[in-house]
Amino acid sequence: AEVKLQELLVQERDKLSILEELRKISTASKAAEAVANASINALQTKIDAVNVTLAEQEDLMDEVTVKLNQFEAEHSTIASRSLVMEMLINVFGPRGIQNYVFLGLLKQIEFIANSYLNVLADGGIQLSLVQQQGDTEEEEIQGAEAAKKKKPSKKSKSPSKEMLEELAEESATSERILKN
């Protein structure tokens, strides 16, 4: 019976040591769980902060996108206005309607002057009027050399019928433009 008692005591001690080890493991496990929970909480706090920052960045991105769309709309409006302004500059600028009318009148004056010069100088003098462009003056009075190239035949000292019709047509066109 004593041997049995001893065996039971040994078994009891073994059980108590196992129980003590389980308690230590349980305590260590609880401590590890507490550390893990603290780490999880810290990570969760960081995740929440990152989510807040991400939400702010998304809001900023949305604002930037809206502003970008507004700027693109403004840009297209300005571009279309710019095209209209360029057209107006072309129409009313130095190369526009006024210039067209002026050039027509300049040709008429040149034609009339050359008709008189043809009669007065017997075709020896010709006048050429050219529009001034930029800072360079391009008005020229051509001498006998250039006159020979344009010299009408000596048979007709007055302007030809075709030239007069052309002059009348240009004059009518100029008058219509000036009236409009």
C-alpha atoms as a PDB file:
ATOM      1  CA  ALA A   1       0.000   0.000   0.000  1.00  0.00           C
ATOM      2  CA  GLU A   2       2.851   2.260   0.637  1.00  0.00           C
ATOM      3  CA  VAL A   3       4.260   1.615  -2.778  1.00  0.00           C
ATOM      4  CA  LYS A   4       0.896   2.399  -4.214  1.00  0.00           C
ATOM      5  CA  LEU A   5       0.727   5.519  -2.177  1.00  0.00           C
ATOM      6  CA  GLN A   6       4.160   6.478  -3.412  1.00  0.00           C
ATOM      7  CA  GLU A   7       3.158   5.823  -6.941  1.00  0.00           C
ATOM      8  CA  LEU A   8       0.061   7.917  -6.469  1.00  0.00           C
ATOM      9  CA  LEU A   9       2.146  10.694  -4.950  1.00  0.00           C
ATOM     10  CA  VAL A  10       4.572  10.532  -7.840  1.00  0.00           C
ATOM     11  CA  GLN A  11       1.680  10.610 -10.280  1.00  0.00           C
ATOM     12  CA  GLU A  12       0.164  13.498  -8.352  1.00  0.00           C
ATOM     13  CA  ARG A  13       3.451  15.399  -8.413  1.00  0.00           C
ATOM     14  CA  ASP A  14       3.755  14.698 -12.130  1.00  0.00           C
ATOM     15  CA  LYS A  15       0.240  15.957 -12.607  1.00  0.00           C
ATOM     16  CA  LEU A  16       0.978  19.022 -10.464  1.00  0.00           C
ATOM     17  CA  SER A  17       4.155  19.752 -12.429  1.00  0.00           C
ATOM     18  CA  ILE A  18       2.230  19.315 -15.668  1.00  0.00           C
ATOM     19  CA  LEU A  19      -0.493  21.559 -14.277  1.00  0.00           C
ATOM     20  CA  GLU A  20       2.167  24.117 -13.260  1.00  0.00           C
ATOM     21  CA  GLU A  21       3.680  23.984 -16.733  1.00  0.00           C
ATOM     22  CA  LEU A  22       0.224  24.401 -18.262  1.00  0.00           C
ATOM     23  CA  ARG A  23      -0.345  27.414 -16.023  1.00  0.00           C
ATOM     24  CA  LYS A  24       2.997  28.896 -17.121  1.00  0.00           C
ATOM     25  CA  ILE A  25       2.144  28.190 -20.752  1.00  0.00           C
ATOM     26  CA  SER A  26      -1.298  29.726 -20.215  1.00  0.00           C
ATOM     27  CA  THR A  27       0.231  32.813 -18.597  1.00  0.00           C
ATOM     28  CA  ALA A  28       2.812  33.093 -21.384  1.00  0.00           C
ATOM     29  CA  SER A  29       0.039  32.579 -23.929  1.00  0.00           C
ATOM     30  CA  LYS A  30      -2.058  35.301 -22.308  1.00  0.00           C
ATOM     31  CA  ALA A  31       0.950  37.632 -22.275  1.00  0.00           C
ATOM     32  CA  ALA A  32       1.659  36.846 -25.946  1.00  0.00           C
ATOM     33  CA  GLU A  33      -2.026  37.378 -26.724  1.00  0.00           C
ATOM     34  CA  ALA A  34      -1.930  40.733 -24.947  1.00  0.00           C
ATOM     35  CA  VAL A  35       1.177  41.741 -26.929  1.00  0.00           C
ATOM     36  CA  ALA A  36      -0.458  40.528 -30.129  1.00  0.00           C
ATOM     37  CA  ASN A  37      -3.646  42.444 -29.332  1.00  0.00           C
ATOM     38  CA  ALA A  38      -1.607  45.558 -28.610  1.00  0.00           C
ATOM     39  CA  SER A  39       0.197  45.127 -31.949  1.00  0.00           C
ATOM     40  CA  ILE A  40      -3.111  44.539 -33.696  1.00  0.00           C
ATOM     41  CA  ASN A  41      -4.570  47.660 -32.072  1.00  0.00           C
ATOM     42  CA  ALA A  42      -1.510  49.700 -33.071  1.00  0.00           C
ATOM     43  CA  LEU A  43      -1.738  48.359 -36.622  1.00  0.00           C
ATOM     44  CA  GLN A  44      -5.477  49.024 -36.715  1.00  0.00           C
ATOM     45  CA  THR A  45      -4.822  52.613 -35.583  1.00  0.00           C
ATOM     46  CA  LYS A  46      -2.261  53.001 -38.355  1.00  0.00           C
ATOM     47  CA  ILE A  47      -4.686  51.484 -40.886  1.00  0.00           C
ATOM     48  CA  ASP A  48      -7.410  53.884 -39.742  1.00  0.00           C
ATOM     49  CA  ALA A  49      -5.004  56.828 -40.099  1.00  0.00           C
ATOM     50  CA  VAL A  50      -3.995  55.638 -43.572  1.00  0.00           C
ATOM     51  CA  ASN A  51      -7.680  55.231 -44.528  1.00  0.00           C
ATOM     52  CA  VAL A  52      -8.391  58.787 -43.361  1.00  0.00           C
ATOM     53  CA  THR A  53      -5.397  60.068 -45.341  1.00  0.00           C
ATOM     54  CA  LEU A  54      -6.504  58.039 -48.352  1.00  0.00           C
ATOM     55  CA  ALA A  55     -10.018  59.481 -48.109  1.00  0.00           C
ATOM     56  CA  GLU A  56      -8.548  63.002 -47.929  1.00  0.00           C
ATOM     57  CA  GLN A  57      -6.342  62.255 -50.938  1.00  0.00           C
ATOM     58  CA  GLU A  58      -9.340  60.922 -52.870  1.00  0.00           C
ATOM     59  CA  ASP A  59     -11.260  64.110 -52.027  1.00  0.00           C
ATOM     60  CA  LEU A  60      -8.317  66.189 -53.231  1.00  0.00           C
ATOM     61  CA  MET A  61      -8.102  64.062 -56.364  1.00  0.00           C
ATOM     62  CA  ASP A  62     -11.817  64.627 -57.010  1.00  0.00           C
ATOM     63  CA  GLU A  63     -11.346  68.394 -56.557  1.00  0.00           C
ATOM     64  CA  VAL A  64      -8.343  68.370 -58.885  1.00  0.00           C
ATOM     65  CA  THR A  65     -10.313  66.376 -61.462  1.00  0.00           C
ATOM     66  CA  VAL A  66     -13.190  68.862 -61.292  1.00  0.00           C
ATOM     67  CA  LYS A  67     -10.775  71.797 -61.669  1.00  0.00           C
ATOM     68  CA  LEU A  68      -9.003  70.031 -64.531  1.00  0.00           C
ATOM     69  CA  ASN A  69     -12.329  69.532 -66.302  1.00  0.00           C
ATOM     70  CA  GLN A  70     -13.142  73.219 -65.749  1.00  0.00           C
ATOM     71  CA  PHE A  71      -9.754  74.260 -67.124  1.00  0.00           C
ATOM     72  CA  GLU A  72     -10.184  71.982 -70.141  1.00  0.00           C
ATOM     73  CA  ALA A  73     -13.618  73.496 -70.784  1.00  0.00           C
ATOM     74  CA  GLU A  74     -12.139  76.992 -70.419  1.00  0.00           C
ATOM     75  CA  HIS A  75      -9.280  76.030 -72.722  1.00  0.00           C
ATOM     76  CA  SER A  76     -11.634  74.772 -75.422  1.00  0.00           C
ATOM     77  CA  THR A  77     -13.766  77.936 -75.063  1.00  0.00           C
ATOM     78  CA  ILE A  78     -10.677  80.130 -75.323  1.00  0.00           C
ATOM     79  CA  ALA A  79      -9.403  78.114 -78.283  1.00  0.00           C
ATOM     80  CA  SER A  80     -12.697  78.497 -80.140  1.00  0.00           C
ATOM     81  CA  ARG A  81     -12.783  82.220 -79.315  1.00  0.00           C
ATOM     82  CA  SER A  82      -9.211  82.488 -80.527  1.00  0.00           C
ATOM     83  CA  LEU A  83     -10.205  80.938 -83.860  1.00  0.00           C
ATOM     84  CA  VAL A  84     -13.073  83.401 -84.175  1.00  0.00           C
ATOM     85  CA  MET A  85     -10.758  86.294 -83.331  1.00  0.00           C
ATOM     86  CA  GLU A  86      -8.221  85.119 -85.907  1.00  0.00           C
ATOM     87  CA  MET A  87     -10.977  84.984 -88.515  1.00  0.00           C
ATOM     88  CA  LEU A  88     -12.063  88.507 -87.577  1.00  0.00           C
ATOM     89  CA  ILE A  89      -8.461  89.717 -87.790  1.00  0.00           C
ATOM     90  CA  ASN A  90      -8.152  88.145 -91.219  1.00  0.00           C
ATOM     91  CA  VAL A  91     -11.416  89.680 -92.398  1.00  0.00           C
ATOM     92  CA  PHE A  92     -11.013  93.159 -90.898  1.00  0.00           C
ATOM     93  CA  GLY A  93      -7.228  93.298 -90.646  1.00  0.00           C
ATOM     94  CA  PRO A  94      -4.685  94.551 -93.160  1.00  0.00           C
ATOM     95  CA  ARG A  95      -5.409  91.641 -95.498  1.00  0.00           C
ATOM     96  CA  GLY A  96      -9.179  91.740 -95.132  1.00  0.00           C
ATOM     97  CA  ILE A  97     -12.123  93.359 -96.894  1.00  0.00           C
ATOM     98  CA  GLN A  98     -10.676  96.859 -96.769  1.00  0.00           C
ATOM     99  CA  ASN A  99      -7.500  95.613 -98.394  1.00  0.00           C
ATOM    100  CA  TYR A 100      -9.513  93.852-101.097  1.00  0.00           C
ATOM    101  CA  VAL A 101     -11.424  97.052-101.895  1.00  0.00           C
ATOM    102  CA  PHE A 102      -8.234  99.099-101.792  1.00  0.00           C
ATOM    103  CA  LEU A 103      -6.440  96.744-104.165  1.00  0.00           C
ATOM    104  CA  GLY A 104      -9.361  96.921-106.605  1.00  0.00           C
ATOM    105  CA  LEU A 105      -9.285 100.711-106.536  1.00  0.00           C
ATOM    106  CA  LEU A 106      -5.497 100.684-106.848  1.00  0.00           C
ATOM    107  CA  LYS A 107      -5.769  98.570-110.008  1.00  0.00           C
ATOM    108  CA  GLN A 108      -8.395 100.943-111.389  1.00  0.00           C
ATOM    109  CA  ILE A 109      -6.202 103.981-110.712  1.00  0.00           C
ATOM    110  CA  GLU A 110      -3.234 102.224-112.294  1.00  0.00           C
ATOM    111  CA  PHE A 111      -5.299 101.322-115.355  1.00  0.00           C
ATOM    112  CA  ILE A 112      -6.660 104.851-115.782  1.00  0.00           C
ATOM    113  CA  ALA A 113      -3.222 106.438-115.209  1.00  0.00           C
ATOM    114  CA  ASN A 114      -1.626 104.089-117.740  1.00  0.00           C
ATOM    115  CA  SER A 115      -4.390 104.848-120.239  1.00  0.00           C
ATOM    116  CA  TYR A 116      -3.597 108.578-119.982  1.00  0.00           C
ATOM    117  CA  LEU A 117       0.144 107.953-120.022  1.00  0.00           C
ATOM    118  CA  ASN A 118      -0.266 105.763-123.083  1.00  0.00           C
ATOM    119  CA  VAL A 119      -2.003 108.601-124.892  1.00  0.00           C
ATOM    120  CA  LEU A 120       0.310 111.354-123.600  1.00  0.00           C
ATOM    121  CA  ALA A 121       3.654 109.561-123.901  1.00  0.00           C
ATOM    122  CA  ASP A 122       2.808 107.316-126.822  1.00  0.00           C
ATOM    123  CA  GLY A 123       3.299 104.188-124.686  1.00  0.00           C
ATOM    124  CA  GLY A 124       6.760 105.216-123.515  1.00  0.00           C
ATOM    125  CA  ILE A 125       5.858 105.488-119.826  1.00  0.00           C
ATOM    126  CA  GLN A 126       3.964 102.984-117.697  1.00  0.00           C
ATOM    127  CA  LEU A 127       2.934 103.279-114.054  1.00  0.00           C
ATOM    128  CA  SER A 128       2.806 100.294-111.712  1.00  0.00           C
ATOM    129  CA  LEU A 129       1.237 100.668-108.266  1.00  0.00           C
ATOM    130  CA  VAL A 130       1.852  97.887-105.760  1.00  0.00           C
ATOM    131  CA  GLN A 131       0.537  97.683-102.214  1.00  0.00           C
ATOM    132  CA  GLN A 132       3.022  98.465 -99.471  1.00  0.00           C
ATOM    133  CA  GLN A 133       3.759  95.430 -97.288  1.00  0.00           C
ATOM    134  CA  GLY A 134       5.285  95.820 -93.845  1.00  0.00           C
ATOM    135  CA  ASP A 135       8.072  98.414 -93.644  1.00  0.00           C
ATOM    136  CA  THR A 136       9.231  97.957 -97.223  1.00  0.00           C
ATOM    137  CA  GLU A 137       7.803 100.309 -99.784  1.00  0.00           C
ATOM    138  CA  GLU A 138       7.046  98.549-103.028  1.00  0.00           C
ATOM    139  CA  GLU A 139       5.580 101.345-105.124  1.00  0.00           C
ATOM    140  CA  GLU A 140       7.452 101.519-108.364  1.00  0.00           C
ATOM    141  CA  ILE A 141       7.241 103.637-111.430  1.00  0.00           C
ATOM    142  CA  GLN A 142       8.505 101.582-114.284  1.00  0.00           C
ATOM    143  CA  GLY A 143      10.385 103.245-117.096  1.00  0.00           C
ATOM    144  CA  ALA A 144      10.413 102.515-120.750  1.00  0.00           C
ATOM    145  CA  GLU A 145      11.874  99.016-120.234  1.00  0.00           C
ATOM    146  CA  ALA A 146       8.854  97.738-118.320  1.00  0.00           C
ATOM    147  CA  ALA A 147       6.519  99.746-120.490  1.00  0.00           C
ATOM    148  CA  LYS A 148       7.706  97.879-123.575  1.00  0.00           C
ATOM    149  CA  LYS A 149       6.577  94.615-121.995  1.00  0.00           C
ATOM    150  CA  LYS A 150       3.085  95.975-121.328  1.00  0.00           C
ATOM    151  CA  LYS A 151       2.979  98.351-124.284  1.00  0.00           C
ATOM    152  CA  PRO A 152      -0.285  98.167-126.188  1.00  0.00           C
ATOM    153  CA  SER A 153      -0.166  98.069-129.934  1.00  0.00           C
ATOM    154  CA  LYS A 154       0.317 101.436-131.640  1.00  0.00           C
ATOM    155  CA  LYS A 155      -2.860 100.920-133.601  1.00  0.00           C
ATOM    156  CA  SER A 156      -5.058 101.548-130.574  1.00  0.00           C
ATOM    157  CA  LYS A 157      -4.164 104.578-128.483  1.00  0.00           C
ATOM    158  CA  SER A 158      -7.221 104.250-126.261  1.00  0.00           C
ATOM    159  CA  PRO A 159      -7.989 101.443-123.823  1.00  0.00           C
ATOM    160  CA  SER A 160      -9.414  98.319-125.397  1.00  0.00           C
ATOM    161  CA  LYS A 161     -13.035  97.410-124.998  1.00  0.00           C
ATOM    162  CA  GLU A 162     -12.082  94.347-122.914  1.00  0.00           C
ATOM    163  CA  MET A 163     -10.006  96.457-120.552  1.00  0.00           C
ATOM    164  CA  LEU A 164     -12.854  98.919-120.085  1.00  0.00           C
ATOM    165  CA  GLU A 165     -15.295  96.071-119.363  1.00  0.00           C
ATOM    166  CA  GLU A 166     -12.870  94.604-116.829  1.00  0.00           C
ATOM    167  CA  LEU A 167     -12.468  98.014-115.207  1.00  0.00           C
ATOM    168  CA  ALA A 168     -16.238  98.485-115.036  1.00  0.00           C
ATOM    169  CA  GLU A 169     -16.678  95.036-113.482  1.00  0.00           C
ATOM    170  CA  GLU A 170     -14.034  95.696-110.826  1.00  0.00           C
ATOM    171  CA  SER A 171     -15.550  99.096-110.104  1.00  0.00           C
ATOM    172  CA  ALA A 172     -19.026  97.558-109.671  1.00  0.00           C
ATOM    173  CA  THR A 173     -17.601  94.898-107.347  1.00  0.00           C
ATOM    174  CA  SER A 174     -15.841  97.559-105.277  1.00  0.00           C
ATOM    175  CA  GLU A 175     -19.010  99.635-105.027  1.00  0.00           C
ATOM    176  CA  ARG A 176     -21.053  96.600-103.877  1.00  0.00           C
ATOM    177  CA  ILE A 177     -18.485  95.805-101.199  1.00  0.00           C
ATOM    178  CA  LEU A 178     -18.418  99.410-100.000  1.00  0.00           C
ATOM    179  CA  LYS A 179     -22.226  99.536 -99.814  1.00  0.00           C
ATOM    180  CA  ASN A 180     -22.357  96.346 -97.716  1.00  0.00           C
END
